[in-house]
Amino acid sequence: METNEMVYETKCRNHHHHSNTGNAVYGLGFFGAAIFFIGQATTFWMGVLGFLKAIIWPVFLVLEAFKTLM
């Protein structure tokens, strides 16, 4: 009986629960930004640049937030 309790305790101790809401928000933001930036593109390479911008859109968000704080 004691051995089973130790095994259960070891398994439960290494089990982590995480909420993935941040990933969902980033994913929705990525798709929205990709649609926006690619929709604004006039050439293929501007579309590629738009896709890259969509990947790093939080950088733009934080940069603008810091600009307004200064």
C-alpha atoms as a PDB file:
ATOM      1  CA  MET A   1       0.000   0.000   0.000  1.00  0.00           C
ATOM      2  CA  GLU A   2       2.793   2.394   0.848  1.00  0.00           C
ATOM      3  CA  THR A   3       4.513   1.737  -2.485  1.00  0.00           C
ATOM      4  CA  ASN A   4       1.355   2.612  -4.445  1.00  0.00           C
ATOM      5  CA  GLU A   5       1.035   5.899  -2.558  1.00  0.00           C
ATOM      6  CA  MET A   6       4.636   6.773  -3.364  1.00  0.00           C
ATOM      7  CA  VAL A   7       4.139   6.020  -7.057  1.00  0.00           C
ATOM      8  CA  TYR A   8       0.935   8.100  -7.148  1.00  0.00           C
ATOM      9  CA  GLU A   9       2.639  10.965  -5.335  1.00  0.00           C
ATOM     10  CA  THR A  10       5.568  10.914  -7.757  1.00  0.00           C
ATOM     11  CA  LYS A  11       3.285  10.916 -10.812  1.00  0.00           C
ATOM     12  CA  CYS A  12       1.136  13.749  -9.483  1.00  0.00           C
ATOM     13  CA  ARG A  13       4.086  15.870  -8.487  1.00  0.00           C
ATOM     14  CA  ASN A  14       5.494  15.885 -12.040  1.00  0.00           C
ATOM     15  CA  HIS A  15       2.144  16.648 -13.691  1.00  0.00           C
ATOM     16  CA  HIS A  16       1.674  20.314 -14.616  1.00  0.00           C
ATOM     17  CA  HIS A  17      -1.524  22.045 -15.666  1.00  0.00           C
ATOM     18  CA  HIS A  18      -1.190  25.055 -17.944  1.00  0.00           C
ATOM     19  CA  SER A  19      -3.730  27.348 -19.476  1.00  0.00           C
ATOM     20  CA  ASN A  20      -3.146  28.019 -23.157  1.00  0.00           C
ATOM     21  CA  THR A  21      -5.273  31.137 -23.528  1.00  0.00           C
ATOM     22  CA  GLY A  22      -2.200  33.199 -24.407  1.00  0.00           C
ATOM     23  CA  ASN A  23      -1.476  30.876 -27.305  1.00  0.00           C
ATOM     24  CA  ALA A  24      -5.058  31.205 -28.533  1.00  0.00           C
ATOM     25  CA  VAL A  25      -4.920  35.001 -28.375  1.00  0.00           C
ATOM     26  CA  TYR A  26      -1.594  35.049 -30.198  1.00  0.00           C
ATOM     27  CA  GLY A  27      -2.936  32.639 -32.823  1.00  0.00           C
ATOM     28  CA  LEU A  28      -6.035  34.724 -33.473  1.00  0.00           C
ATOM     29  CA  GLY A  29      -3.894  37.849 -33.588  1.00  0.00           C
ATOM     30  CA  PHE A  30      -1.533  36.159 -36.031  1.00  0.00           C
ATOM     31  CA  PHE A  31      -4.334  35.213 -38.410  1.00  0.00           C
ATOM     32  CA  GLY A  32      -5.901  38.658 -38.175  1.00  0.00           C
ATOM     33  CA  ALA A  33      -2.583  40.400 -38.749  1.00  0.00           C
ATOM     34  CA  ALA A  34      -1.720  38.070 -41.641  1.00  0.00           C
ATOM     35  CA  ILE A  35      -5.030  38.800 -43.325  1.00  0.00           C
ATOM     36  CA  PHE A  36      -4.565  42.534 -42.787  1.00  0.00           C
ATOM     37  CA  PHE A  37      -0.921  42.804 -43.870  1.00  0.00           C
ATOM     38  CA  ILE A  38      -1.239  40.444 -46.833  1.00  0.00           C
ATOM     39  CA  GLY A  39      -4.460  42.180 -47.888  1.00  0.00           C
ATOM     40  CA  GLN A  40      -2.606  45.500 -47.966  1.00  0.00           C
ATOM     41  CA  ALA A  41       0.233  44.074 -50.082  1.00  0.00           C
ATOM     42  CA  THR A  42       0.502  45.198 -53.700  1.00  0.00           C
ATOM     43  CA  THR A  43       3.261  42.788 -54.754  1.00  0.00           C
ATOM     44  CA  PHE A  44       4.294  39.249 -53.886  1.00  0.00           C
ATOM     45  CA  TRP A  45       7.276  40.383 -51.830  1.00  0.00           C
ATOM     46  CA  MET A  46       5.159  42.866 -49.903  1.00  0.00           C
ATOM     47  CA  GLY A  47       2.894  39.897 -49.105  1.00  0.00           C
ATOM     48  CA  VAL A  48       5.900  37.963 -47.830  1.00  0.00           C
ATOM     49  CA  LEU A  49       6.873  40.974 -45.734  1.00  0.00           C
ATOM     50  CA  GLY A  50       3.288  41.147 -44.479  1.00  0.00           C
ATOM     51  CA  PHE A  51       3.460  37.506 -43.414  1.00  0.00           C
ATOM     52  CA  LEU A  52       6.685  38.184 -41.512  1.00  0.00           C
ATOM     53  CA  LYS A  53       5.102  41.213 -39.860  1.00  0.00           C
ATOM     54  CA  ALA A  54       2.170  39.038 -38.838  1.00  0.00           C
ATOM     55  CA  ILE A  55       4.554  36.708 -37.024  1.00  0.00           C
ATOM     56  CA  ILE A  56       6.043  39.514 -34.922  1.00  0.00           C
ATOM     57  CA  TRP A  57       2.937  41.711 -34.484  1.00  0.00           C
ATOM     58  CA  PRO A  58       3.284  41.828 -30.658  1.00  0.00           C
ATOM     59  CA  VAL A  59       6.561  43.716 -31.116  1.00  0.00           C
ATOM     60  CA  PHE A  60       4.687  46.477 -32.929  1.00  0.00           C
ATOM     61  CA  LEU A  61       2.017  46.526 -30.229  1.00  0.00           C
ATOM     62  CA  VAL A  62       4.536  46.903 -27.395  1.00  0.00           C
ATOM     63  CA  LEU A  63       6.528  49.509 -29.333  1.00  0.00           C
ATOM     64  CA  GLU A  64       3.450  51.674 -29.845  1.00  0.00           C
ATOM     65  CA  ALA A  65       2.491  51.241 -26.185  1.00  0.00           C
ATOM     66  CA  PHE A  66       5.916  52.454 -25.101  1.00  0.00           C
ATOM     67  CA  LYS A  67       5.725  55.410 -27.497  1.00  0.00           C
ATOM     68  CA  THR A  68       2.475  56.544 -25.914  1.00  0.00           C
ATOM     69  CA  LEU A  69       3.948  56.246 -22.419  1.00  0.00           C
ATOM     70  CA  MET A  70       6.852  58.527 -23.262  1.00  0.00           C
END
